[in-house]
Amino acid sequence: QVQLVESGGGLVQPGGSLTLSCAGSGAIFSSYVMGWYRQAPENQRELVAVSGAMIHYADSVKGRFTISRDNAKGTVYLQMNSLKPEDTAVYYCNARLNTDDGRYDYWGQGTQVTVSS
């Protein structure tokens, strides 16, 4: 059973920084595409950053956010700098396994990030 647990969210002032962590268990995560998504109130969940064969960022966070991973620890991080009020959302960790039989997605419970003065 794959489990993902996020941590590191909180309240930060505009221009500040936060680092989110996602600790995974129950799988060999080097085989997984790991990513961060976010969902603001009344909005759809959107991609923030993914790390697989390549790293991809949403345009809105390029140059400010950095995704990294430690496969040995089964952990993925999201370093967020120069935070803006529009970054306020619940941030979710995702682990995706692509197989010949289909795609399997696993989600964490989410961690709230609030950017406000």
N, C-alpha and C. Protein backbone atom coordinates (compact mmCIF):
# COMPACT_ATOMS: atom_id res chain seq x y z
N GLN A 1 0.84 -1.18 0.00
CA GLN A 1 0.00 0.00 0.00
C GLN A 1 0.89 1.25 0.00
N VAL A 2 0.73 2.05 -1.04
CA VAL A 2 1.52 3.28 -1.14
C VAL A 2 0.89 4.34 -0.25
N GLN A 3 1.71 4.97 0.56
CA GLN A 3 1.25 6.07 1.40
C GLN A 3 2.16 7.27 1.22
N LEU A 4 1.55 8.43 1.16
CA LEU A 4 2.28 9.69 1.02
C LEU A 4 1.83 10.63 2.12
N VAL A 5 2.78 11.25 2.80
CA VAL A 5 2.47 12.16 3.88
C VAL A 5 3.22 13.47 3.65
N GLU A 6 2.46 14.55 3.47
CA GLU A 6 3.06 15.85 3.25
C GLU A 6 3.27 16.58 4.58
N SER A 7 4.24 17.47 4.57
CA SER A 7 4.47 18.33 5.72
C SER A 7 5.15 19.60 5.24
N GLY A 8 5.17 20.60 6.11
CA GLY A 8 5.90 21.83 5.81
C GLY A 8 5.05 23.01 5.43
N GLY A 9 3.74 22.82 5.32
CA GLY A 9 2.88 23.95 4.99
C GLY A 9 2.76 24.91 6.16
N GLY A 10 2.13 26.05 5.89
CA GLY A 10 1.94 27.03 6.95
C GLY A 10 1.61 28.39 6.39
N LEU A 11 1.70 29.38 7.26
CA LEU A 11 1.43 30.77 6.91
C LEU A 11 2.76 31.49 6.69
N VAL A 12 2.86 32.20 5.58
CA VAL A 12 4.09 32.92 5.27
C VAL A 12 3.72 34.24 4.62
N GLN A 13 4.54 35.24 4.83
CA GLN A 13 4.30 36.55 4.23
C GLN A 13 4.71 36.55 2.76
N PRO A 14 4.10 37.42 1.96
CA PRO A 14 4.53 37.54 0.57
C PRO A 14 6.03 37.80 0.47
N GLY A 15 6.66 37.11 -0.48
CA GLY A 15 8.10 37.20 -0.62
C GLY A 15 8.87 36.18 0.19
N GLY A 16 8.18 35.48 1.06
CA GLY A 16 8.83 34.50 1.91
C GLY A 16 9.02 33.16 1.23
N SER A 17 9.53 32.21 2.02
CA SER A 17 9.86 30.88 1.50
C SER A 17 9.30 29.79 2.40
N LEU A 18 9.01 28.67 1.80
CA LEU A 18 8.61 27.46 2.51
C LEU A 18 9.17 26.26 1.75
N THR A 19 9.42 25.19 2.48
CA THR A 19 9.80 23.93 1.86
C THR A 19 8.81 22.86 2.27
N LEU A 20 8.17 22.27 1.29
CA LEU A 20 7.26 21.15 1.53
C LEU A 20 8.01 19.84 1.36
N SER A 21 7.63 18.87 2.17
CA SER A 21 8.19 17.53 2.07
C SER A 21 7.07 16.53 1.91
N CYS A 22 7.37 15.47 1.20
CA CYS A 22 6.41 14.37 1.02
C CYS A 22 7.16 13.07 1.25
N ALA A 23 6.80 12.39 2.32
CA ALA A 23 7.45 11.13 2.65
C ALA A 23 6.58 9.98 2.16
N GLY A 24 7.18 9.14 1.34
CA GLY A 24 6.44 8.01 0.79
C GLY A 24 6.88 6.70 1.40
N SER A 25 5.97 5.76 1.40
CA SER A 25 6.27 4.41 1.88
C SER A 25 5.46 3.41 1.07
N GLY A 26 5.94 2.17 1.06
CA GLY A 26 5.18 1.12 0.42
C GLY A 26 5.49 0.90 -1.04
N ALA A 27 6.55 1.53 -1.55
CA ALA A 27 6.89 1.38 -2.96
C ALA A 27 8.34 1.75 -3.18
N ILE A 28 8.83 1.37 -4.34
CA ILE A 28 10.17 1.80 -4.77
C ILE A 28 9.96 3.04 -5.62
N PHE A 29 10.16 4.20 -5.03
CA PHE A 29 9.75 5.44 -5.67
C PHE A 29 10.63 5.86 -6.82
N SER A 30 11.76 5.22 -6.99
CA SER A 30 12.58 5.55 -8.15
C SER A 30 11.85 5.20 -9.45
N SER A 31 10.86 4.33 -9.35
CA SER A 31 10.08 3.95 -10.52
C SER A 31 8.90 4.88 -10.79
N TYR A 32 8.65 5.80 -9.88
CA TYR A 32 7.49 6.66 -9.94
C TYR A 32 7.83 8.05 -10.44
N VAL A 33 6.89 8.64 -11.13
CA VAL A 33 6.91 10.07 -11.37
C VAL A 33 6.33 10.73 -10.13
N MET A 34 7.09 11.63 -9.53
CA MET A 34 6.64 12.30 -8.31
C MET A 34 6.32 13.75 -8.64
N GLY A 35 5.24 14.23 -8.05
CA GLY A 35 4.85 15.59 -8.38
C GLY A 35 4.13 16.29 -7.26
N TRP A 36 3.99 17.57 -7.43
CA TRP A 36 3.22 18.42 -6.52
C TRP A 36 2.10 19.09 -7.32
N TYR A 37 0.92 19.08 -6.73
CA TYR A 37 -0.24 19.75 -7.29
C TYR A 37 -0.80 20.67 -6.21
N ARG A 38 -1.65 21.58 -6.62
CA ARG A 38 -2.28 22.45 -5.64
C ARG A 38 -3.71 22.75 -6.05
N GLN A 39 -4.50 23.07 -5.04
CA GLN A 39 -5.90 23.40 -5.28
C GLN A 39 -6.30 24.54 -4.38
N ALA A 40 -6.67 25.64 -4.99
CA ALA A 40 -7.18 26.80 -4.26
C ALA A 40 -8.70 26.69 -4.19
N PRO A 41 -9.31 27.37 -3.22
CA PRO A 41 -10.77 27.32 -3.10
C PRO A 41 -11.46 27.67 -4.40
N GLU A 42 -12.42 26.85 -4.79
CA GLU A 42 -13.24 27.06 -5.99
C GLU A 42 -12.45 26.89 -7.28
N ASN A 43 -11.24 26.37 -7.18
CA ASN A 43 -10.43 26.10 -8.39
C ASN A 43 -10.21 24.60 -8.54
N GLN A 44 -9.86 24.21 -9.75
CA GLN A 44 -9.49 22.82 -9.97
C GLN A 44 -8.07 22.58 -9.49
N ARG A 45 -7.79 21.33 -9.20
CA ARG A 45 -6.42 20.96 -8.83
C ARG A 45 -5.54 21.16 -10.06
N GLU A 46 -4.36 21.76 -9.82
CA GLU A 46 -3.47 22.05 -10.94
C GLU A 46 -2.06 21.57 -10.64
N LEU A 47 -1.36 21.25 -11.71
CA LEU A 47 0.02 20.81 -11.60
C LEU A 47 0.91 21.97 -11.18
N VAL A 48 1.82 21.69 -10.25
CA VAL A 48 2.83 22.67 -9.86
C VAL A 48 4.18 22.27 -10.43
N ALA A 49 4.59 21.02 -10.16
CA ALA A 49 5.89 20.55 -10.63
C ALA A 49 5.90 19.03 -10.60
N VAL A 50 6.59 18.43 -11.55
CA VAL A 50 6.75 16.98 -11.56
C VAL A 50 8.19 16.62 -11.81
N SER A 51 8.60 15.49 -11.27
CA SER A 51 9.96 14.98 -11.44
C SER A 51 9.89 13.52 -11.88
N GLY A 52 10.25 13.31 -13.14
CA GLY A 52 10.31 11.95 -13.65
C GLY A 52 11.56 11.83 -14.48
N ALA A 53 11.39 11.41 -15.73
CA ALA A 53 12.54 11.42 -16.64
C ALA A 53 13.03 12.85 -16.86
N MET A 54 12.10 13.78 -16.77
CA MET A 54 12.41 15.20 -16.85
C MET A 54 11.69 15.91 -15.72
N ILE A 55 12.08 17.15 -15.52
CA ILE A 55 11.40 17.99 -14.53
C ILE A 55 10.60 19.05 -15.28
N HIS A 56 9.37 19.24 -14.82
CA HIS A 56 8.49 20.21 -15.46
C HIS A 56 7.84 21.08 -14.40
N TYR A 57 7.73 22.36 -14.69
CA TYR A 57 7.09 23.31 -13.79
C TYR A 57 5.95 24.02 -14.49
N ALA A 58 4.94 24.35 -13.72
CA ALA A 58 3.91 25.23 -14.23
C ALA A 58 4.54 26.60 -14.49
N ASP A 59 4.04 27.29 -15.51
CA ASP A 59 4.60 28.60 -15.84
C ASP A 59 4.54 29.57 -14.67
N SER A 60 3.50 29.43 -13.87
CA SER A 60 3.28 30.37 -12.77
C SER A 60 4.32 30.25 -11.65
N VAL A 61 5.07 29.14 -11.62
CA VAL A 61 6.04 28.94 -10.54
C VAL A 61 7.47 28.85 -11.03
N LYS A 62 7.67 28.86 -12.34
CA LYS A 62 9.03 28.75 -12.89
C LYS A 62 9.93 29.86 -12.35
N GLY A 63 11.12 29.45 -11.94
CA GLY A 63 12.07 30.41 -11.39
C GLY A 63 11.90 30.69 -9.91
N ARG A 64 10.78 30.24 -9.34
CA ARG A 64 10.53 30.46 -7.91
C ARG A 64 10.50 29.16 -7.11
N PHE A 65 10.00 28.10 -7.72
CA PHE A 65 9.86 26.81 -7.03
C PHE A 65 10.87 25.83 -7.60
N THR A 66 11.32 24.91 -6.73
CA THR A 66 12.23 23.85 -7.15
C THR A 66 11.78 22.53 -6.57
N ILE A 67 11.61 21.54 -7.43
CA ILE A 67 11.27 20.20 -6.98
C ILE A 67 12.54 19.36 -6.94
N SER A 68 12.65 18.55 -5.91
CA SER A 68 13.78 17.63 -5.80
C SER A 68 13.29 16.36 -5.11
N ARG A 69 14.09 15.32 -5.23
CA ARG A 69 13.69 14.06 -4.65
C ARG A 69 14.89 13.28 -4.15
N ASP A 70 14.63 12.46 -3.15
CA ASP A 70 15.61 11.55 -2.61
C ASP A 70 14.98 10.16 -2.69
N ASN A 71 15.33 9.42 -3.72
CA ASN A 71 14.69 8.12 -3.93
C ASN A 71 15.01 7.13 -2.80
N ALA A 72 16.19 7.22 -2.27
CA ALA A 72 16.57 6.31 -1.19
C ALA A 72 15.66 6.48 0.03
N LYS A 73 15.23 7.73 0.25
CA LYS A 73 14.34 8.02 1.38
C LYS A 73 12.88 8.00 0.97
N GLY A 74 12.62 7.88 -0.32
CA GLY A 74 11.23 7.93 -0.78
C GLY A 74 10.59 9.27 -0.52
N THR A 75 11.36 10.33 -0.65
CA THR A 75 10.89 11.67 -0.29
C THR A 75 11.05 12.61 -1.47
N VAL A 76 10.05 13.48 -1.64
CA VAL A 76 10.12 14.52 -2.64
C VAL A 76 9.88 15.86 -1.94
N TYR A 77 10.57 16.88 -2.41
CA TYR A 77 10.52 18.20 -1.77
C TYR A 77 10.04 19.24 -2.78
N LEU A 78 9.51 20.31 -2.24
CA LEU A 78 9.18 21.47 -3.06
C LEU A 78 9.67 22.70 -2.32
N GLN A 79 10.74 23.28 -2.82
CA GLN A 79 11.26 24.53 -2.27
C GLN A 79 10.53 25.67 -2.95
N MET A 80 9.87 26.50 -2.16
CA MET A 80 9.07 27.60 -2.70
C MET A 80 9.64 28.92 -2.22
N ASN A 81 10.09 29.73 -3.15
CA ASN A 81 10.65 31.05 -2.84
C ASN A 81 9.79 32.14 -3.46
N SER A 82 9.99 33.34 -3.00
CA SER A 82 9.27 34.51 -3.53
C SER A 82 7.78 34.24 -3.62
N LEU A 83 7.24 33.76 -2.53
CA LEU A 83 5.83 33.36 -2.52
C LEU A 83 4.91 34.55 -2.70
N LYS A 84 3.81 34.30 -3.39
CA LYS A 84 2.81 35.32 -3.69
C LYS A 84 1.47 34.90 -3.10
N PRO A 85 0.59 35.85 -2.84
CA PRO A 85 -0.74 35.48 -2.32
C PRO A 85 -1.46 34.47 -3.22
N GLU A 86 -1.24 34.54 -4.51
CA GLU A 86 -1.90 33.59 -5.42
C GLU A 86 -1.34 32.18 -5.33
N ASP A 87 -0.28 31.98 -4.57
CA ASP A 87 0.22 30.63 -4.31
C ASP A 87 -0.55 29.94 -3.18
N THR A 88 -1.42 30.68 -2.54
CA THR A 88 -2.22 30.11 -1.46
C THR A 88 -3.10 28.98 -1.98
N ALA A 89 -2.96 27.81 -1.36
CA ALA A 89 -3.70 26.62 -1.81
C ALA A 89 -3.38 25.47 -0.88
N VAL A 90 -4.11 24.39 -1.05
CA VAL A 90 -3.72 23.12 -0.45
C VAL A 90 -2.81 22.42 -1.46
N TYR A 91 -1.64 22.02 -1.00
CA TYR A 91 -0.65 21.39 -1.86
C TYR A 91 -0.67 19.88 -1.62
N TYR A 92 -0.74 19.14 -2.71
CA TYR A 92 -0.83 17.68 -2.65
C TYR A 92 0.38 17.05 -3.33
N CYS A 93 0.87 16.02 -2.70
CA CYS A 93 1.93 15.20 -3.29
C CYS A 93 1.28 14.08 -4.10
N ASN A 94 1.90 13.78 -5.22
CA ASN A 94 1.39 12.71 -6.10
C ASN A 94 2.52 11.77 -6.48
N ALA A 95 2.21 10.49 -6.48
CA ALA A 95 3.13 9.47 -6.99
C ALA A 95 2.41 8.73 -8.10
N ARG A 96 3.01 8.71 -9.27
CA ARG A 96 2.37 8.09 -10.44
C ARG A 96 3.27 6.99 -10.99
N LEU A 97 2.65 5.82 -11.19
CA LEU A 97 3.35 4.70 -11.78
C LEU A 97 2.70 4.37 -13.11
N ASN A 98 3.48 4.42 -14.16
CA ASN A 98 3.00 4.08 -15.49
C ASN A 98 3.44 2.65 -15.81
N THR A 99 2.46 1.78 -16.09
CA THR A 99 2.77 0.40 -16.43
C THR A 99 2.07 0.03 -17.72
N ASP A 100 2.38 -1.15 -18.23
CA ASP A 100 1.70 -1.63 -19.43
C ASP A 100 0.21 -1.84 -19.17
N ASP A 101 -0.15 -2.02 -17.91
CA ASP A 101 -1.55 -2.27 -17.54
C ASP A 101 -2.31 -0.99 -17.25
N GLY A 102 -1.61 0.12 -17.23
CA GLY A 102 -2.31 1.37 -16.95
C GLY A 102 -1.50 2.28 -16.07
N ARG A 103 -2.15 3.36 -15.63
CA ARG A 103 -1.50 4.35 -14.80
C ARG A 103 -2.10 4.30 -13.40
N TYR A 104 -1.25 4.35 -12.41
CA TYR A 104 -1.69 4.30 -11.02
C TYR A 104 -1.26 5.59 -10.33
N ASP A 105 -2.22 6.26 -9.72
CA ASP A 105 -1.98 7.52 -9.03
C ASP A 105 -2.24 7.37 -7.54
N TYR A 106 -1.34 7.93 -6.75
CA TYR A 106 -1.48 7.95 -5.30
C TYR A 106 -1.31 9.38 -4.84
N TRP A 107 -2.11 9.75 -3.83
CA TRP A 107 -2.13 11.13 -3.34
C TRP A 107 -1.92 11.18 -1.83
N GLY A 108 -1.27 12.25 -1.41
CA GLY A 108 -1.21 12.55 0.01
C GLY A 108 -2.47 13.26 0.45
N GLN A 109 -2.52 13.61 1.73
CA GLN A 109 -3.71 14.22 2.29
C GLN A 109 -3.73 15.73 2.08
N GLY A 110 -2.61 16.30 1.68
CA GLY A 110 -2.54 17.73 1.42
C GLY A 110 -2.01 18.51 2.60
N THR A 111 -1.37 19.62 2.30
CA THR A 111 -0.89 20.54 3.33
C THR A 111 -1.21 21.97 2.88
N GLN A 112 -1.73 22.75 3.81
CA GLN A 112 -2.19 24.10 3.49
C GLN A 112 -1.00 25.06 3.45
N VAL A 113 -0.94 25.84 2.39
CA VAL A 113 0.01 26.95 2.29
C VAL A 113 -0.79 28.23 2.14
N THR A 114 -0.55 29.16 3.04
CA THR A 114 -1.24 30.45 3.00
C THR A 114 -0.20 31.56 2.94
N VAL A 115 -0.32 32.38 1.91
CA VAL A 115 0.60 33.51 1.72
C VAL A 115 -0.18 34.79 1.94
N SER A 116 0.12 35.44 3.05
CA SER A 116 -0.66 36.62 3.42
C SER A 116 0.15 37.48 4.38
N SER A 117 -0.08 38.78 4.28
CA SER A 117 0.56 39.70 5.22
C SER A 117 -0.36 39.97 6.40
